[in-house]
Full PDB file with SEQRES, HELIX, SHEET, SSBOND, CRYST1, ORIGX, SCALE, CONECT and MASTER records, all heavy atoms in Angstrom:
SEQRES   1 A   30  ILE SER TYR ASN PHE TRP ALA LYS ARG ASN ASN SER TRP          
SEQRES   2 A   30  PHE PRO ASN GLY LEU PHE LEU ASN ARG PHE LYS HIS PHE          
SEQRES   3 A   30  ALA LEU PRO ASP                                              
HELIX    1 AA1 LEU A   20  ARG A   22  5                                   3    
HELIX    2 AA2 LYS A   24  PHE A   26  5                                   3    
CRYST1    1.000    1.000    1.000  90.00  90.00  90.00 P 1           1          
ORIGX1      1.000000  0.000000  0.000000        0.00000                         
ORIGX2      0.000000  1.000000  0.000000        0.00000                         
ORIGX3      0.000000  0.000000  1.000000        0.00000                         
SCALE1      1.000000  0.000000  0.000000        0.00000                         
SCALE2      0.000000  1.000000  0.000000        0.00000                         
SCALE3      0.000000  0.000000  1.000000        0.00000                         
ATOM      1  N   ILE A   1      15.307 -24.242 -54.219  1.00  0.00           N  
ATOM      2  CA  ILE A   1      15.115 -25.468 -54.986  1.00  0.00           C  
ATOM      3  C   ILE A   1      16.423 -26.248 -54.979  1.00  0.00           C  
ATOM      4  O   ILE A   1      17.317 -26.047 -55.817  1.00  0.00           O  
ATOM      5  CB  ILE A   1      14.672 -25.157 -56.422  1.00  0.00           C  
ATOM      6  CG1 ILE A   1      13.330 -24.432 -56.409  1.00  0.00           C  
ATOM      7  CG2 ILE A   1      14.549 -26.445 -57.245  1.00  0.00           C  
ATOM      8  CD1 ILE A   1      12.846 -24.005 -57.776  1.00  0.00           C  
ATOM      9  N   SER A   2      16.582 -27.097 -53.987  1.00  0.00           N  
ATOM     10  CA  SER A   2      17.734 -27.994 -53.918  1.00  0.00           C  
ATOM     11  C   SER A   2      17.402 -29.135 -52.970  1.00  0.00           C  
ATOM     12  O   SER A   2      16.523 -29.020 -52.114  1.00  0.00           O  
ATOM     13  CB  SER A   2      18.992 -27.249 -53.449  1.00  0.00           C  
ATOM     14  OG  SER A   2      18.866 -26.819 -52.119  1.00  0.00           O  
ATOM     15  N   TYR A   3      18.120 -30.220 -53.133  1.00  0.00           N  
ATOM     16  CA  TYR A   3      17.877 -31.429 -52.338  1.00  0.00           C  
ATOM     17  C   TYR A   3      19.201 -31.958 -51.799  1.00  0.00           C  
ATOM     18  O   TYR A   3      20.270 -31.726 -52.366  1.00  0.00           O  
ATOM     19  CB  TYR A   3      17.202 -32.499 -53.189  1.00  0.00           C  
ATOM     20  CG  TYR A   3      15.788 -32.143 -53.590  1.00  0.00           C  
ATOM     21  CD1 TYR A   3      15.542 -31.291 -54.658  1.00  0.00           C  
ATOM     22  CD2 TYR A   3      14.692 -32.654 -52.897  1.00  0.00           C  
ATOM     23  CE1 TYR A   3      14.252 -30.948 -55.029  1.00  0.00           C  
ATOM     24  CE2 TYR A   3      13.393 -32.325 -53.258  1.00  0.00           C  
ATOM     25  CZ  TYR A   3      13.178 -31.463 -54.324  1.00  0.00           C  
ATOM     26  OH  TYR A   3      11.895 -31.118 -54.680  1.00  0.00           O  
ATOM     27  N   ASN A   4      19.088 -32.717 -50.709  1.00  0.00           N  
ATOM     28  CA  ASN A   4      20.263 -33.272 -50.060  1.00  0.00           C  
ATOM     29  C   ASN A   4      20.352 -34.772 -50.288  1.00  0.00           C  
ATOM     30  O   ASN A   4      19.334 -35.446 -50.456  1.00  0.00           O  
ATOM     31  CB  ASN A   4      20.224 -32.979 -48.550  1.00  0.00           C  
ATOM     32  CG  ASN A   4      21.591 -33.041 -47.912  1.00  0.00           C  
ATOM     33  OD1 ASN A   4      22.111 -34.109 -47.622  1.00  0.00           O  
ATOM     34  ND2 ASN A   4      22.180 -31.871 -47.695  1.00  0.00           N  
ATOM     35  N   PHE A   5      21.553 -35.262 -50.274  1.00  0.00           N  
ATOM     36  CA  PHE A   5      21.810 -36.698 -50.386  1.00  0.00           C  
ATOM     37  C   PHE A   5      21.119 -37.454 -49.255  1.00  0.00           C  
ATOM     38  O   PHE A   5      20.569 -38.532 -49.460  1.00  0.00           O  
ATOM     39  CB  PHE A   5      23.324 -36.902 -50.329  1.00  0.00           C  
ATOM     40  CG  PHE A   5      23.796 -38.296 -50.608  1.00  0.00           C  
ATOM     41  CD1 PHE A   5      23.821 -38.799 -51.901  1.00  0.00           C  
ATOM     42  CD2 PHE A   5      24.272 -39.097 -49.584  1.00  0.00           C  
ATOM     43  CE1 PHE A   5      24.288 -40.083 -52.166  1.00  0.00           C  
ATOM     44  CE2 PHE A   5      24.744 -40.383 -49.839  1.00  0.00           C  
ATOM     45  CZ  PHE A   5      24.752 -40.870 -51.127  1.00  0.00           C  
ATOM     46  N   TRP A   6      21.132 -36.863 -48.062  1.00  0.00           N  
ATOM     47  CA  TRP A   6      20.490 -37.452 -46.887  1.00  0.00           C  
ATOM     48  C   TRP A   6      19.304 -36.616 -46.437  1.00  0.00           C  
ATOM     49  O   TRP A   6      19.210 -35.422 -46.748  1.00  0.00           O  
ATOM     50  CB  TRP A   6      21.507 -37.589 -45.746  1.00  0.00           C  
ATOM     51  CG  TRP A   6      22.530 -38.660 -46.002  1.00  0.00           C  
ATOM     52  CD1 TRP A   6      22.299 -39.908 -46.488  1.00  0.00           C  
ATOM     53  CD2 TRP A   6      23.943 -38.565 -45.793  1.00  0.00           C  
ATOM     54  NE1 TRP A   6      23.480 -40.608 -46.588  1.00  0.00           N  
ATOM     55  CE2 TRP A   6      24.501 -39.819 -46.163  1.00  0.00           C  
ATOM     56  CE3 TRP A   6      24.786 -37.561 -45.316  1.00  0.00           C  
ATOM     57  CZ2 TRP A   6      25.875 -40.078 -46.087  1.00  0.00           C  
ATOM     58  CZ3 TRP A   6      26.152 -37.823 -45.233  1.00  0.00           C  
ATOM     59  CH2 TRP A   6      26.681 -39.065 -45.615  1.00  0.00           C  
ATOM     60  N   ALA A   7      18.415 -37.213 -45.688  1.00  0.00           N  
ATOM     61  CA  ALA A   7      17.166 -36.560 -45.286  1.00  0.00           C  
ATOM     62  C   ALA A   7      17.422 -35.317 -44.440  1.00  0.00           C  
ATOM     63  O   ALA A   7      18.430 -35.210 -43.732  1.00  0.00           O  
ATOM     64  CB  ALA A   7      16.287 -37.542 -44.507  1.00  0.00           C  
ATOM     65  N   LYS A   8      16.472 -34.370 -44.517  1.00  0.00           N  
ATOM     66  CA  LYS A   8      16.567 -33.114 -43.774  1.00  0.00           C  
ATOM     67  C   LYS A   8      15.976 -33.302 -42.382  1.00  0.00           C  
ATOM     68  O   LYS A   8      14.853 -32.894 -42.089  1.00  0.00           O  
ATOM     69  CB  LYS A   8      15.826 -32.008 -44.527  1.00  0.00           C  
ATOM     70  CG  LYS A   8      16.482 -31.586 -45.828  1.00  0.00           C  
ATOM     71  CD  LYS A   8      17.740 -30.782 -45.559  1.00  0.00           C  
ATOM     72  CE  LYS A   8      18.251 -30.118 -46.831  1.00  0.00           C  
ATOM     73  NZ  LYS A   8      19.435 -29.296 -46.573  1.00  0.00           N  
ATOM     74  N   ARG A   9      16.752 -33.934 -41.517  1.00  0.00           N  
ATOM     75  CA  ARG A   9      16.344 -34.098 -40.129  1.00  0.00           C  
ATOM     76  C   ARG A   9      17.603 -34.138 -39.268  1.00  0.00           C  
ATOM     77  O   ARG A   9      18.712 -34.290 -39.787  1.00  0.00           O  
ATOM     78  CB  ARG A   9      15.532 -35.388 -39.927  1.00  0.00           C  
ATOM     79  CG  ARG A   9      16.278 -36.665 -40.218  1.00  0.00           C  
ATOM     80  CD  ARG A   9      15.457 -37.909 -39.899  1.00  0.00           C  
ATOM     81  NE  ARG A   9      16.263 -39.109 -39.979  1.00  0.00           N  
ATOM     82  CZ  ARG A   9      16.435 -39.832 -41.087  1.00  0.00           C  
ATOM     83  NH1 ARG A   9      15.822 -39.460 -42.195  1.00  0.00           N  
ATOM     84  NH2 ARG A   9      17.198 -40.902 -41.073  1.00  0.00           N  
ATOM     85  N   ASN A  10      17.453 -34.005 -37.978  1.00  0.00           N  
ATOM     86  CA  ASN A  10      18.611 -34.007 -37.100  1.00  0.00           C  
ATOM     87  C   ASN A  10      19.358 -35.339 -37.176  1.00  0.00           C  
ATOM     88  O   ASN A  10      18.742 -36.410 -37.194  1.00  0.00           O  
ATOM     89  CB  ASN A  10      18.181 -33.746 -35.656  1.00  0.00           C  
ATOM     90  CG  ASN A  10      17.707 -32.322 -35.456  1.00  0.00           C  
ATOM     91  OD1 ASN A  10      18.108 -31.417 -36.197  1.00  0.00           O  
ATOM     92  ND2 ASN A  10      16.851 -32.109 -34.481  1.00  0.00           N  
ATOM     93  N   ASN A  11      20.665 -35.253 -37.241  1.00  0.00           N  
ATOM     94  CA  ASN A  11      21.534 -36.439 -37.261  1.00  0.00           C  
ATOM     95  C   ASN A  11      21.236 -37.380 -38.429  1.00  0.00           C  
ATOM     96  O   ASN A  11      21.407 -38.592 -38.306  1.00  0.00           O  
ATOM     97  CB  ASN A  11      21.437 -37.217 -35.944  1.00  0.00           C  
ATOM     98  CG  ASN A  11      21.728 -36.355 -34.722  1.00  0.00           C  
ATOM     99  OD1 ASN A  11      20.805 -35.955 -34.032  1.00  0.00           O  
ATOM    100  ND2 ASN A  11      22.984 -36.055 -34.477  1.00  0.00           N  
ATOM    101  N   SER A  12      20.797 -36.816 -39.554  1.00  0.00           N  
ATOM    102  CA  SER A  12      20.483 -37.655 -40.713  1.00  0.00           C  
ATOM    103  C   SER A  12      21.731 -37.971 -41.527  1.00  0.00           C  
ATOM    104  O   SER A  12      21.720 -38.901 -42.331  1.00  0.00           O  
ATOM    105  CB  SER A  12      19.455 -36.956 -41.602  1.00  0.00           C  
ATOM    106  OG  SER A  12      19.989 -35.752 -42.124  1.00  0.00           O  
ATOM    107  N   TRP A  13      22.789 -37.202 -41.362  1.00  0.00           N  
ATOM    108  CA  TRP A  13      24.014 -37.443 -42.115  1.00  0.00           C  
ATOM    109  C   TRP A  13      24.725 -38.680 -41.548  1.00  0.00           C  
ATOM    110  O   TRP A  13      24.654 -38.983 -40.373  1.00  0.00           O  
ATOM    111  CB  TRP A  13      24.923 -36.218 -42.074  1.00  0.00           C  
ATOM    112  CG  TRP A  13      25.204 -35.682 -40.688  1.00  0.00           C  
ATOM    113  CD1 TRP A  13      26.248 -36.013 -39.872  1.00  0.00           C  
ATOM    114  CD2 TRP A  13      24.410 -34.741 -39.958  1.00  0.00           C  
ATOM    115  NE1 TRP A  13      26.172 -35.341 -38.687  1.00  0.00           N  
ATOM    116  CE2 TRP A  13      25.049 -34.547 -38.704  1.00  0.00           C  
ATOM    117  CE3 TRP A  13      23.229 -34.039 -40.221  1.00  0.00           C  
ATOM    118  CZ2 TRP A  13      24.547 -33.686 -37.728  1.00  0.00           C  
ATOM    119  CZ3 TRP A  13      22.733 -33.182 -39.248  1.00  0.00           C  
ATOM    120  CH2 TRP A  13      23.377 -33.004 -38.019  1.00  0.00           C  
ATOM    121  N   PHE A  14      25.396 -39.394 -42.421  1.00  0.00           N  
ATOM    122  CA  PHE A  14      26.032 -40.662 -42.070  1.00  0.00           C  
ATOM    123  C   PHE A  14      25.074 -41.541 -41.257  1.00  0.00           C  
ATOM    124  O   PHE A  14      25.365 -41.922 -40.123  1.00  0.00           O  
ATOM    125  CB  PHE A  14      27.341 -40.430 -41.296  1.00  0.00           C  
ATOM    126  CG  PHE A  14      28.406 -39.771 -42.122  1.00  0.00           C  
ATOM    127  CD1 PHE A  14      28.606 -38.399 -42.065  1.00  0.00           C  
ATOM    128  CD2 PHE A  14      29.184 -40.531 -42.979  1.00  0.00           C  
ATOM    129  CE1 PHE A  14      29.569 -37.791 -42.853  1.00  0.00           C  
ATOM    130  CE2 PHE A  14      30.161 -39.924 -43.767  1.00  0.00           C  
ATOM    131  CZ  PHE A  14      30.348 -38.548 -43.708  1.00  0.00           C  
ATOM    132  N   PRO A  15      23.904 -41.853 -41.835  1.00  0.00           N  
ATOM    133  CA  PRO A  15      22.890 -42.622 -41.102  1.00  0.00           C  
ATOM    134  C   PRO A  15      23.401 -43.990 -40.664  1.00  0.00           C  
ATOM    135  O   PRO A  15      24.222 -44.616 -41.349  1.00  0.00           O  
ATOM    136  CB  PRO A  15      21.745 -42.758 -42.119  1.00  0.00           C  
ATOM    137  CG  PRO A  15      22.385 -42.544 -43.448  1.00  0.00           C  
ATOM    138  CD  PRO A  15      23.484 -41.568 -43.221  1.00  0.00           C  
ATOM    139  N   ASN A  16      22.911 -44.411 -39.513  1.00  0.00           N  
ATOM    140  CA  ASN A  16      23.296 -45.695 -38.913  1.00  0.00           C  
ATOM    141  C   ASN A  16      24.776 -45.751 -38.536  1.00  0.00           C  
ATOM    142  O   ASN A  16      25.329 -46.829 -38.322  1.00  0.00           O  
ATOM    143  CB  ASN A  16      22.959 -46.873 -39.853  1.00  0.00           C  
ATOM    144  CG  ASN A  16      21.489 -46.919 -40.210  1.00  0.00           C  
ATOM    145  OD1 ASN A  16      20.636 -46.909 -39.337  1.00  0.00           O  
ATOM    146  ND2 ASN A  16      21.197 -46.942 -41.500  1.00  0.00           N  
ATOM    147  N   GLY A  17      25.390 -44.566 -38.450  1.00  0.00           N  
ATOM    148  CA  GLY A  17      26.786 -44.502 -38.038  1.00  0.00           C  
ATOM    149  C   GLY A  17      26.910 -44.461 -36.522  1.00  0.00           C  
ATOM    150  O   GLY A  17      25.917 -44.374 -35.790  1.00  0.00           O  
ATOM    151  N   LEU A  18      28.143 -44.503 -36.064  1.00  0.00           N  
ATOM    152  CA  LEU A  18      28.397 -44.523 -34.621  1.00  0.00           C  
ATOM    153  C   LEU A  18      29.044 -43.233 -34.115  1.00  0.00           C  
ATOM    154  O   LEU A  18      29.003 -42.954 -32.922  1.00  0.00           O  
ATOM    155  CB  LEU A  18      29.307 -45.715 -34.266  1.00  0.00           C  
ATOM    156  CG  LEU A  18      28.776 -47.107 -34.619  1.00  0.00           C  
ATOM    157  CD1 LEU A  18      29.827 -48.163 -34.297  1.00  0.00           C  
ATOM    158  CD2 LEU A  18      27.474 -47.395 -33.889  1.00  0.00           C  
ATOM    159  N   PHE A  19      29.598 -42.433 -35.028  1.00  0.00           N  
ATOM    160  CA  PHE A  19      30.365 -41.272 -34.578  1.00  0.00           C  
ATOM    161  C   PHE A  19      30.069 -39.986 -35.362  1.00  0.00           C  
ATOM    162  O   PHE A  19      29.670 -38.977 -34.788  1.00  0.00           O  
ATOM    163  CB  PHE A  19      31.863 -41.608 -34.652  1.00  0.00           C  
ATOM    164  CG  PHE A  19      32.755 -40.468 -34.249  1.00  0.00           C  
ATOM    165  CD1 PHE A  19      32.891 -40.106 -32.913  1.00  0.00           C  
ATOM    166  CD2 PHE A  19      33.460 -39.756 -35.214  1.00  0.00           C  
ATOM    167  CE1 PHE A  19      33.713 -39.040 -32.549  1.00  0.00           C  
ATOM    168  CE2 PHE A  19      34.281 -38.697 -34.856  1.00  0.00           C  
ATOM    169  CZ  PHE A  19      34.408 -38.342 -33.512  1.00  0.00           C  
ATOM    170  N   LEU A  20      30.242 -40.037 -36.690  1.00  0.00           N  
ATOM    171  CA  LEU A  20      30.178 -38.822 -37.495  1.00  0.00           C  
ATOM    172  C   LEU A  20      28.806 -38.159 -37.484  1.00  0.00           C  
ATOM    173  O   LEU A  20      28.701 -36.940 -37.613  1.00  0.00           O  
ATOM    174  CB  LEU A  20      30.592 -39.129 -38.945  1.00  0.00           C  
ATOM    175  CG  LEU A  20      32.037 -39.594 -39.131  1.00  0.00           C  
ATOM    176  CD1 LEU A  20      32.317 -39.888 -40.591  1.00  0.00           C  
ATOM    177  CD2 LEU A  20      33.020 -38.559 -38.607  1.00  0.00           C  
ATOM    178  N   ASN A  21      27.731 -38.952 -37.325  1.00  0.00           N  
ATOM    179  CA  ASN A  21      26.391 -38.362 -37.341  1.00  0.00           C  
ATOM    180  C   ASN A  21      26.058 -37.630 -36.045  1.00  0.00           C  
ATOM    181  O   ASN A  21      24.974 -37.065 -35.910  1.00  0.00           O  
ATOM    182  CB  ASN A  21      25.335 -39.428 -37.641  1.00  0.00           C  
ATOM    183  CG  ASN A  21      25.303 -40.528 -36.594  1.00  0.00           C  
ATOM    184  OD1 ASN A  21      26.188 -40.615 -35.752  1.00  0.00           O  
ATOM    185  ND2 ASN A  21      24.279 -41.367 -36.655  1.00  0.00           N  
ATOM    186  N   ARG A  22      26.973 -37.622 -35.094  1.00  0.00           N  
ATOM    187  CA  ARG A  22      26.747 -36.884 -33.844  1.00  0.00           C  
ATOM    188  C   ARG A  22      27.192 -35.425 -33.943  1.00  0.00           C  
ATOM    189  O   ARG A  22      26.880 -34.613 -33.062  1.00  0.00           O  
ATOM    190  CB  ARG A  22      27.517 -37.549 -32.701  1.00  0.00           C  
ATOM    191  CG  ARG A  22      27.099 -38.991 -32.435  1.00  0.00           C  
ATOM    192  CD  ARG A  22      27.858 -39.568 -31.264  1.00  0.00           C  
ATOM    193  NE  ARG A  22      27.503 -40.966 -31.034  1.00  0.00           N  
ATOM    194  CZ  ARG A  22      27.947 -41.683 -30.013  1.00  0.00           C  
ATOM    195  NH1 ARG A  22      28.768 -41.123 -29.129  1.00  0.00           N  
ATOM    196  NH2 ARG A  22      27.583 -42.945 -29.883  1.00  0.00           N  
ATOM    197  N   PHE A  23      27.912 -35.072 -35.024  1.00  0.00           N  
ATOM    198  CA  PHE A  23      28.476 -33.735 -35.141  1.00  0.00           C  
ATOM    199  C   PHE A  23      27.994 -33.069 -36.426  1.00  0.00           C  
ATOM    200  O   PHE A  23      28.204 -33.592 -37.521  1.00  0.00           O  
ATOM    201  CB  PHE A  23      30.002 -33.803 -35.140  1.00  0.00           C  
ATOM    202  CG  PHE A  23      30.566 -34.453 -33.904  1.00  0.00           C  
ATOM    203  CD1 PHE A  23      30.877 -35.809 -33.906  1.00  0.00           C  
ATOM    204  CD2 PHE A  23      30.747 -33.717 -32.751  1.00  0.00           C  
ATOM    205  CE1 PHE A  23      31.388 -36.422 -32.775  1.00  0.00           C  
ATOM    206  CE2 PHE A  23      31.255 -34.324 -31.605  1.00  0.00           C  
ATOM    207  CZ  PHE A  23      31.575 -35.673 -31.614  1.00  0.00           C  
ATOM    208  N   LYS A  24      27.358 -31.921 -36.276  1.00  0.00           N  
ATOM    209  CA  LYS A  24      26.795 -31.211 -37.431  1.00  0.00           C  
ATOM    210  C   LYS A  24      27.879 -30.786 -38.423  1.00  0.00           C  
ATOM    211  O   LYS A  24      27.608 -30.544 -39.588  1.00  0.00           O  
ATOM    212  CB  LYS A  24      26.004 -29.993 -36.960  1.00  0.00           C  
ATOM    213  CG  LYS A  24      25.092 -29.431 -38.035  1.00  0.00           C  
ATOM    214  CD  LYS A  24      24.128 -28.407 -37.483  1.00  0.00           C  
ATOM    215  CE  LYS A  24      23.156 -27.949 -38.574  1.00  0.00           C  
ATOM    216  NZ  LYS A  24      22.185 -26.961 -38.047  1.00  0.00           N  
ATOM    217  N   HIS A  25      29.097 -30.676 -37.953  1.00  0.00           N  
ATOM    218  CA  HIS A  25      30.218 -30.310 -38.821  1.00  0.00           C  
ATOM    219  C   HIS A  25      30.317 -31.249 -40.026  1.00  0.00           C  
ATOM    220  O   HIS A  25      30.764 -30.851 -41.100  1.00  0.00           O  
ATOM    221  CB  HIS A  25      31.527 -30.348 -38.020  1.00  0.00           C  
ATOM    222  CG  HIS A  25      32.748 -30.118 -38.842  1.00  0.00           C  
ATOM    223  ND1 HIS A  25      33.138 -28.865 -39.276  1.00  0.00           N  
ATOM    224  CD2 HIS A  25      33.669 -30.993 -39.364  1.00  0.00           C  
ATOM    225  CE1 HIS A  25      34.239 -28.971 -39.997  1.00  0.00           C  
ATOM    226  NE2 HIS A  25      34.580 -30.252 -40.067  1.00  0.00           N  
ATOM    227  N   PHE A  26      29.888 -32.500 -39.855  1.00  0.00           N  
ATOM    228  CA  PHE A  26      30.024 -33.498 -40.915  1.00  0.00           C  
ATOM    229  C   PHE A  26      28.780 -33.606 -41.798  1.00  0.00           C  
ATOM    230  O   PHE A  26      28.740 -34.449 -42.690  1.00  0.00           O  
ATOM    231  CB  PHE A  26      30.343 -34.860 -40.300  1.00  0.00           C  
ATOM    232  CG  PHE A  26      31.669 -34.906 -39.615  1.00  0.00           C  
ATOM    233  CD1 PHE A  26      31.748 -34.987 -38.229  1.00  0.00           C  
ATOM    234  CD2 PHE A  26      32.844 -34.847 -40.337  1.00  0.00           C  
ATOM    235  CE1 PHE A  26      32.969 -35.024 -37.587  1.00  0.00           C  
ATOM    236  CE2 PHE A  26      34.080 -34.882 -39.706  1.00  0.00           C  
ATOM    237  CZ  PHE A  26      34.146 -34.961 -38.322  1.00  0.00           C  
ATOM    238  N   ALA A  27      27.780 -32.774 -41.550  1.00  0.00           N  
ATOM    239  CA  ALA A  27      26.575 -32.800 -42.393  1.00  0.00           C  
ATOM    240  C   ALA A  27      26.909 -32.282 -43.792  1.00  0.00           C  
ATOM    241  O   ALA A  27      27.607 -31.277 -43.950  1.00  0.00           O  
ATOM    242  CB  ALA A  27      25.487 -31.943 -41.767  1.00  0.00           C  
ATOM    243  N   LEU A  28      26.425 -32.966 -44.808  1.00  0.00           N  
ATOM    244  CA  LEU A  28      26.680 -32.541 -46.183  1.00  0.00           C  
ATOM    245  C   LEU A  28      25.742 -31.411 -46.599  1.00  0.00           C  
ATOM    246  O   LEU A  28      24.561 -31.428 -46.244  1.00  0.00           O  
ATOM    247  CB  LEU A  28      26.476 -33.706 -47.143  1.00  0.00           C  
ATOM    248  CG  LEU A  28      27.511 -34.820 -47.170  1.00  0.00           C  
ATOM    249  CD1 LEU A  28      27.103 -35.856 -48.210  1.00  0.00           C  
ATOM    250  CD2 LEU A  28      28.888 -34.282 -47.481  1.00  0.00           C  
ATOM    251  N   PRO A  29      26.238 -30.450 -47.389  1.00  0.00           N  
ATOM    252  CA  PRO A  29      25.325 -29.479 -47.994  1.00  0.00           C  
ATOM    253  C   PRO A  29      24.540 -30.149 -49.123  1.00  0.00           C  
ATOM    254  O   PRO A  29      24.859 -31.281 -49.527  1.00  0.00           O  
ATOM    255  CB  PRO A  29      26.269 -28.405 -48.539  1.00  0.00           C  
ATOM    256  CG  PRO A  29      27.537 -29.131 -48.813  1.00  0.00           C  
ATOM    257  CD  PRO A  29      27.645 -30.208 -47.765  1.00  0.00           C  
ATOM    258  N   ASP A  30      23.532 -29.480 -49.644  1.00  0.00           N  
ATOM    259  CA  ASP A  30      22.804 -29.998 -50.799  1.00  0.00           C  
ATOM    260  C   ASP A  30      23.760 -30.093 -51.990  1.00  0.00           C  
ATOM    261  O   ASP A  30      24.801 -29.422 -52.027  1.00  0.00           O  
ATOM    262  CB  ASP A  30      21.629 -29.089 -51.142  1.00  0.00           C  
ATOM    263  CG  ASP A  30      20.626 -28.977 -49.995  1.00  0.00           C  
ATOM    264  OD1 ASP A  30      20.714 -29.773 -49.044  1.00  0.00           O  
ATOM    265  OD2 ASP A  30      19.774 -28.069 -50.055  1.00  0.00           O  
TER     266      ASP A  30                                                      
MASTER        0    0    0    2    0    0    0    6  265    1    0    3          
END                                                                             
């Protein structure tokens, strides 16, 4: 039971970005 700031899909972190959303290292935890 937890939720993320960004959607649970590939490359969803830093949406509409040009660089950071290409690397899973920058994905936020819930």
